[in-house]
Every structure is written in C-alpha cells, then in structure tokens.
Amino acid sequence: MSLMEAMHDAIRAVRLLKQRHPVAAPIGVLVAIRRRESTGCHMKELASEHALDPSTISRAVSALVRDGLVERTADPFDGRASTLHVTESGHALLNQTQTFYEARIAAALRDWTPEEIDALTTSLSRMAHDVITQEEVAR
C-alpha cells in the first residue's frame, strides 16, 4: 500500500467516525474556538486555520451561536470585530464528543500495544505539522 492510499484510508476512517457521532454540530470549529479562547478567537483566524473560505466559517459559527454552543462578544481592541467564546453547553458537548471518539478509537485499537499507539501518535503529529508548515510556506 502506498502512502497516498494509506492517507486516503485514514481520511475515510475519520469521516466514518464523524458520521457515527450523534451530533451534527461543526465540532472541529468548536474545538478551534476553545483552543484560542484565552486570547479571543476571531473568525478570520478560524478560516485560516481550517483552510476554508470565510463564508464557510461564518455559516459554521452562526450555527454554533444559534445552538447556544458559542457566544460572540465585542473585541475590546477592535470595536468592529467580535471574539468567539465557547459556552457552558459548548464545553459539555466537547467533553461528550471527546469521550465518544476516545471510546470508538480505543475499541478499534484494542489489540495495539501502547508502544504502537505512541508511535502512531508521534508519526501522525509530525506528518500533520510538516505538511501544514510546507503548505503555509507555499502560500
């Protein structure tokens, strides 16, 4: 199997996991907002981080706000902008989602040794970092 075939299969596996999750909210966007919460998260940063069009992020954020998972507050440094913050309900959903994914992945990897899981984690993290770095430099 080639690297590209393995990556295709990995992406398919992630899609299958996401399809099985009982909540349709844009969890990846919610995670990204939580990651930036201490400094204040702006939609422009989300679009850049997810390599998505700002209108796509805007729709996702609007859905999160509508569902009570995210709130907008005025940016104290730029009155024209707003910062995004995960609500209590949003944090609860993220915790439930993490539990769901951890259980599904643990079940799938139940025959793996801790060393194999550590090696996979290290390799995936390194690959993601290197690809992202290369693509950001190529912009």
C-alpha atoms as a PDB file:
ATOM      1  CA  MET A   1       0.000   0.000   0.000  1.00  0.00           C
ATOM      2  CA  SER A   2       1.289   3.450  -0.885  1.00  0.00           C
ATOM      3  CA  LEU A   3       1.399   6.426   1.460  1.00  0.00           C
ATOM      4  CA  MET A   4      -1.367   8.146  -0.517  1.00  0.00           C
ATOM      5  CA  GLU A   5      -3.589   5.060  -0.252  1.00  0.00           C
ATOM      6  CA  ALA A   6      -2.957   4.901   3.487  1.00  0.00           C
ATOM      7  CA  MET A   7      -3.801   8.614   3.829  1.00  0.00           C
ATOM      8  CA  HIS A   8      -6.999   8.104   1.822  1.00  0.00           C
ATOM      9  CA  ASP A   9      -7.982   5.258   4.156  1.00  0.00           C
ATOM     10  CA  ALA A  10      -7.167   7.361   7.236  1.00  0.00           C
ATOM     11  CA  ILE A  11      -9.325  10.219   5.953  1.00  0.00           C
ATOM     12  CA  ARG A  12     -12.133   7.746   5.247  1.00  0.00           C
ATOM     13  CA  ALA A  13     -11.817   6.381   8.802  1.00  0.00           C
ATOM     14  CA  VAL A  14     -12.129   9.902  10.245  1.00  0.00           C
ATOM     15  CA  ARG A  15     -15.184  10.573   8.067  1.00  0.00           C
ATOM     16  CA  LEU A  16     -16.801   7.348   9.261  1.00  0.00           C
ATOM     17  CA  LEU A  17     -16.191   8.306  12.890  1.00  0.00           C
ATOM     18  CA  LYS A  18     -17.671  11.751  12.298  1.00  0.00           C
ATOM     19  CA  GLN A  19     -20.729  10.230  10.598  1.00  0.00           C
ATOM     20  CA  ARG A  20     -21.346   7.984  13.601  1.00  0.00           C
ATOM     21  CA  HIS A  21     -21.225  10.877  16.055  1.00  0.00           C
ATOM     22  CA  PRO A  22     -24.772  11.682  17.161  1.00  0.00           C
ATOM     23  CA  VAL A  23     -24.351  15.478  16.947  1.00  0.00           C
ATOM     24  CA  ALA A  24     -24.176  17.313  13.637  1.00  0.00           C
ATOM     25  CA  ALA A  25     -22.551  20.481  15.032  1.00  0.00           C
ATOM     26  CA  PRO A  26     -19.262  21.577  13.395  1.00  0.00           C
ATOM     27  CA  ILE A  27     -17.113  20.100  16.190  1.00  0.00           C
ATOM     28  CA  GLY A  28     -13.780  20.954  14.538  1.00  0.00           C
ATOM     29  CA  VAL A  29     -14.663  24.643  14.520  1.00  0.00           C
ATOM     30  CA  LEU A  30     -15.813  24.418  18.139  1.00  0.00           C
ATOM     31  CA  VAL A  31     -12.502  22.793  19.127  1.00  0.00           C
ATOM     32  CA  ALA A  32     -10.565  25.533  17.328  1.00  0.00           C
ATOM     33  CA  ILE A  33     -12.535  28.252  19.143  1.00  0.00           C
ATOM     34  CA  ARG A  34     -11.816  26.616  22.508  1.00  0.00           C
ATOM     35  CA  ARG A  35      -8.116  26.379  21.628  1.00  0.00           C
ATOM     36  CA  ARG A  36      -7.932  30.159  21.091  1.00  0.00           C
ATOM     37  CA  GLU A  37     -10.354  31.185  23.806  1.00  0.00           C
ATOM     38  CA  SER A  38      -7.785  32.645  26.208  1.00  0.00           C
ATOM     39  CA  THR A  39      -6.657  35.213  23.642  1.00  0.00           C
ATOM     40  CA  GLY A  40     -10.013  35.710  21.949  1.00  0.00           C
ATOM     41  CA  CYS A  41     -10.876  33.911  18.768  1.00  0.00           C
ATOM     42  CA  HIS A  42     -11.740  35.713  15.525  1.00  0.00           C
ATOM     43  CA  MET A  43     -13.474  34.184  12.515  1.00  0.00           C
ATOM     44  CA  LYS A  44     -10.594  35.238  10.256  1.00  0.00           C
ATOM     45  CA  GLU A  45      -8.233  33.046  12.310  1.00  0.00           C
ATOM     46  CA  LEU A  46     -10.649  30.113  12.108  1.00  0.00           C
ATOM     47  CA  ALA A  47     -10.862  30.388   8.330  1.00  0.00           C
ATOM     48  CA  SER A  48      -7.081  30.432   8.087  1.00  0.00           C
ATOM     49  CA  GLU A  49      -6.610  27.511  10.499  1.00  0.00           C
ATOM     50  CA  HIS A  50      -9.143  25.334   8.680  1.00  0.00           C
ATOM     51  CA  ALA A  51      -8.051  26.463   5.203  1.00  0.00           C
ATOM     52  CA  LEU A  52     -11.682  27.336   4.462  1.00  0.00           C
ATOM     53  CA  ASP A  53     -13.425  30.266   2.864  1.00  0.00           C
ATOM     54  CA  PRO A  54     -14.542  32.884   5.428  1.00  0.00           C
ATOM     55  CA  SER A  55     -18.178  32.426   4.330  1.00  0.00           C
ATOM     56  CA  THR A  56     -17.996  28.721   5.210  1.00  0.00           C
ATOM     57  CA  ILE A  57     -16.640  29.527   8.676  1.00  0.00           C
ATOM     58  CA  SER A  58     -19.255  32.226   9.088  1.00  0.00           C
ATOM     59  CA  ARG A  59     -22.047  29.707   8.456  1.00  0.00           C
ATOM     60  CA  ALA A  60     -20.497  27.225  10.898  1.00  0.00           C
ATOM     61  CA  VAL A  61     -20.094  29.875  13.601  1.00  0.00           C
ATOM     62  CA  SER A  62     -23.647  31.108  13.046  1.00  0.00           C
ATOM     63  CA  ALA A  63     -24.924  27.558  13.580  1.00  0.00           C
ATOM     64  CA  LEU A  64     -22.867  27.231  16.776  1.00  0.00           C
ATOM     65  CA  VAL A  65     -24.203  30.564  18.071  1.00  0.00           C
ATOM     66  CA  ARG A  66     -27.765  29.598  17.127  1.00  0.00           C
ATOM     67  CA  ASP A  67     -27.396  26.300  19.002  1.00  0.00           C
ATOM     68  CA  GLY A  68     -26.060  28.065  22.109  1.00  0.00           C
ATOM     69  CA  LEU A  69     -22.616  26.470  21.868  1.00  0.00           C
ATOM     70  CA  VAL A  70     -20.687  29.679  21.136  1.00  0.00           C
ATOM     71  CA  GLU A  71     -21.234  33.317  22.008  1.00  0.00           C
ATOM     72  CA  ARG A  72     -19.909  36.449  20.389  1.00  0.00           C
ATOM     73  CA  THR A  73     -18.590  39.359  22.406  1.00  0.00           C
ATOM     74  CA  ALA A  74     -17.230  42.702  21.268  1.00  0.00           C
ATOM     75  CA  ASP A  75     -13.491  42.695  20.726  1.00  0.00           C
ATOM     76  CA  PRO A  76     -12.069  45.099  23.328  1.00  0.00           C
ATOM     77  CA  PHE A  77      -9.313  46.190  20.909  1.00  0.00           C
ATOM     78  CA  ASP A  78     -11.396  46.481  17.729  1.00  0.00           C
ATOM     79  CA  GLY A  79     -14.997  47.544  18.157  1.00  0.00           C
ATOM     80  CA  ARG A  80     -15.848  46.420  14.617  1.00  0.00           C
ATOM     81  CA  ALA A  81     -14.884  42.821  15.364  1.00  0.00           C
ATOM     82  CA  SER A  82     -16.169  40.238  17.773  1.00  0.00           C
ATOM     83  CA  THR A  83     -14.445  37.426  19.602  1.00  0.00           C
ATOM     84  CA  LEU A  84     -15.883  33.956  19.958  1.00  0.00           C
ATOM     85  CA  HIS A  85     -16.177  32.013  23.189  1.00  0.00           C
ATOM     86  CA  VAL A  86     -17.412  28.501  23.905  1.00  0.00           C
ATOM     87  CA  THR A  87     -20.439  28.448  26.211  1.00  0.00           C
ATOM     88  CA  GLU A  88     -21.020  26.032  29.066  1.00  0.00           C
ATOM     89  CA  SER A  89     -23.178  23.938  26.716  1.00  0.00           C
ATOM     90  CA  GLY A  90     -20.382  24.011  24.151  1.00  0.00           C
ATOM     91  CA  HIS A  91     -17.844  22.764  26.689  1.00  0.00           C
ATOM     92  CA  ALA A  92     -20.227  19.975  27.725  1.00  0.00           C
ATOM     93  CA  LEU A  93     -20.660  18.933  24.084  1.00  0.00           C
ATOM     94  CA  LEU A  94     -16.899  18.944  23.524  1.00  0.00           C
ATOM     95  CA  ASN A  95     -16.398  16.736  26.584  1.00  0.00           C
ATOM     96  CA  GLN A  96     -19.087  14.305  25.366  1.00  0.00           C
ATOM     97  CA  THR A  97     -17.558  14.299  21.896  1.00  0.00           C
ATOM     98  CA  GLN A  98     -14.087  13.576  23.216  1.00  0.00           C
ATOM     99  CA  THR A  99     -15.453  10.679  25.274  1.00  0.00           C
ATOM    100  CA  PHE A 100     -17.294   9.333  22.203  1.00  0.00           C
ATOM    101  CA  TYR A 101     -14.224   9.477  19.937  1.00  0.00           C
ATOM    102  CA  GLU A 102     -11.864   8.103  22.579  1.00  0.00           C
ATOM    103  CA  ALA A 103     -14.166   5.116  23.170  1.00  0.00           C
ATOM    104  CA  ARG A 104     -14.525   4.389  19.425  1.00  0.00           C
ATOM    105  CA  ILE A 105     -10.809   4.678  18.766  1.00  0.00           C
ATOM    106  CA  ALA A 106      -9.892   2.651  21.873  1.00  0.00           C
ATOM    107  CA  ALA A 107     -12.233  -0.114  20.683  1.00  0.00           C
ATOM    108  CA  ALA A 108     -10.693  -0.090  17.208  1.00  0.00           C
ATOM    109  CA  LEU A 109      -7.125  -0.154  18.598  1.00  0.00           C
ATOM    110  CA  ARG A 110      -7.776  -2.616  21.418  1.00  0.00           C
ATOM    111  CA  ASP A 111      -5.213  -5.072  20.026  1.00  0.00           C
ATOM    112  CA  TRP A 112      -2.495  -2.431  19.675  1.00  0.00           C
ATOM    113  CA  THR A 113       0.290  -2.106  22.212  1.00  0.00           C
ATOM    114  CA  PRO A 114       0.873   1.208  23.985  1.00  0.00           C
ATOM    115  CA  GLU A 115       4.140   1.500  22.051  1.00  0.00           C
ATOM    116  CA  GLU A 116       2.324   1.124  18.715  1.00  0.00           C
ATOM    117  CA  ILE A 117      -0.197   3.775  19.712  1.00  0.00           C
ATOM    118  CA  ASP A 118       2.599   6.127  20.810  1.00  0.00           C
ATOM    119  CA  ALA A 119       4.447   5.572  17.517  1.00  0.00           C
ATOM    120  CA  LEU A 120       1.280   6.272  15.520  1.00  0.00           C
ATOM    121  CA  THR A 121       0.556   9.409  17.546  1.00  0.00           C
ATOM    122  CA  THR A 122       4.085  10.713  17.077  1.00  0.00           C
ATOM    123  CA  SER A 123       4.129   9.965  13.345  1.00  0.00           C
ATOM    124  CA  LEU A 124       0.697  11.470  12.671  1.00  0.00           C
ATOM    125  CA  SER A 125       1.556  14.591  14.627  1.00  0.00           C
ATOM    126  CA  ARG A 126       4.852  15.003  12.812  1.00  0.00           C
ATOM    127  CA  MET A 127       3.274  14.436   9.397  1.00  0.00           C
ATOM    128  CA  ALA A 128       0.467  16.920  10.049  1.00  0.00           C
ATOM    129  CA  HIS A 129       2.934  19.547  11.307  1.00  0.00           C
ATOM    130  CA  ASP A 130       5.270  19.111   8.340  1.00  0.00           C
ATOM    131  CA  VAL A 131       2.507  19.199   5.717  1.00  0.00           C
ATOM    132  CA  ILE A 132       0.881  22.258   7.308  1.00  0.00           C
ATOM    133  CA  THR A 133       4.239  24.040   7.560  1.00  0.00           C
ATOM    134  CA  GLN A 134       5.054  23.277   3.924  1.00  0.00           C
ATOM    135  CA  GLU A 135       1.658  24.458   2.694  1.00  0.00           C
ATOM    136  CA  GLU A 136       1.785  27.661   4.741  1.00  0.00           C
ATOM    137  CA  VAL A 137       5.223  28.476   3.325  1.00  0.00           C
ATOM    138  CA  ALA A 138       3.960  27.766  -0.216  1.00  0.00           C
ATOM    139  CA  ARG A 139       1.189  30.388   0.094  1.00  0.00           C
END
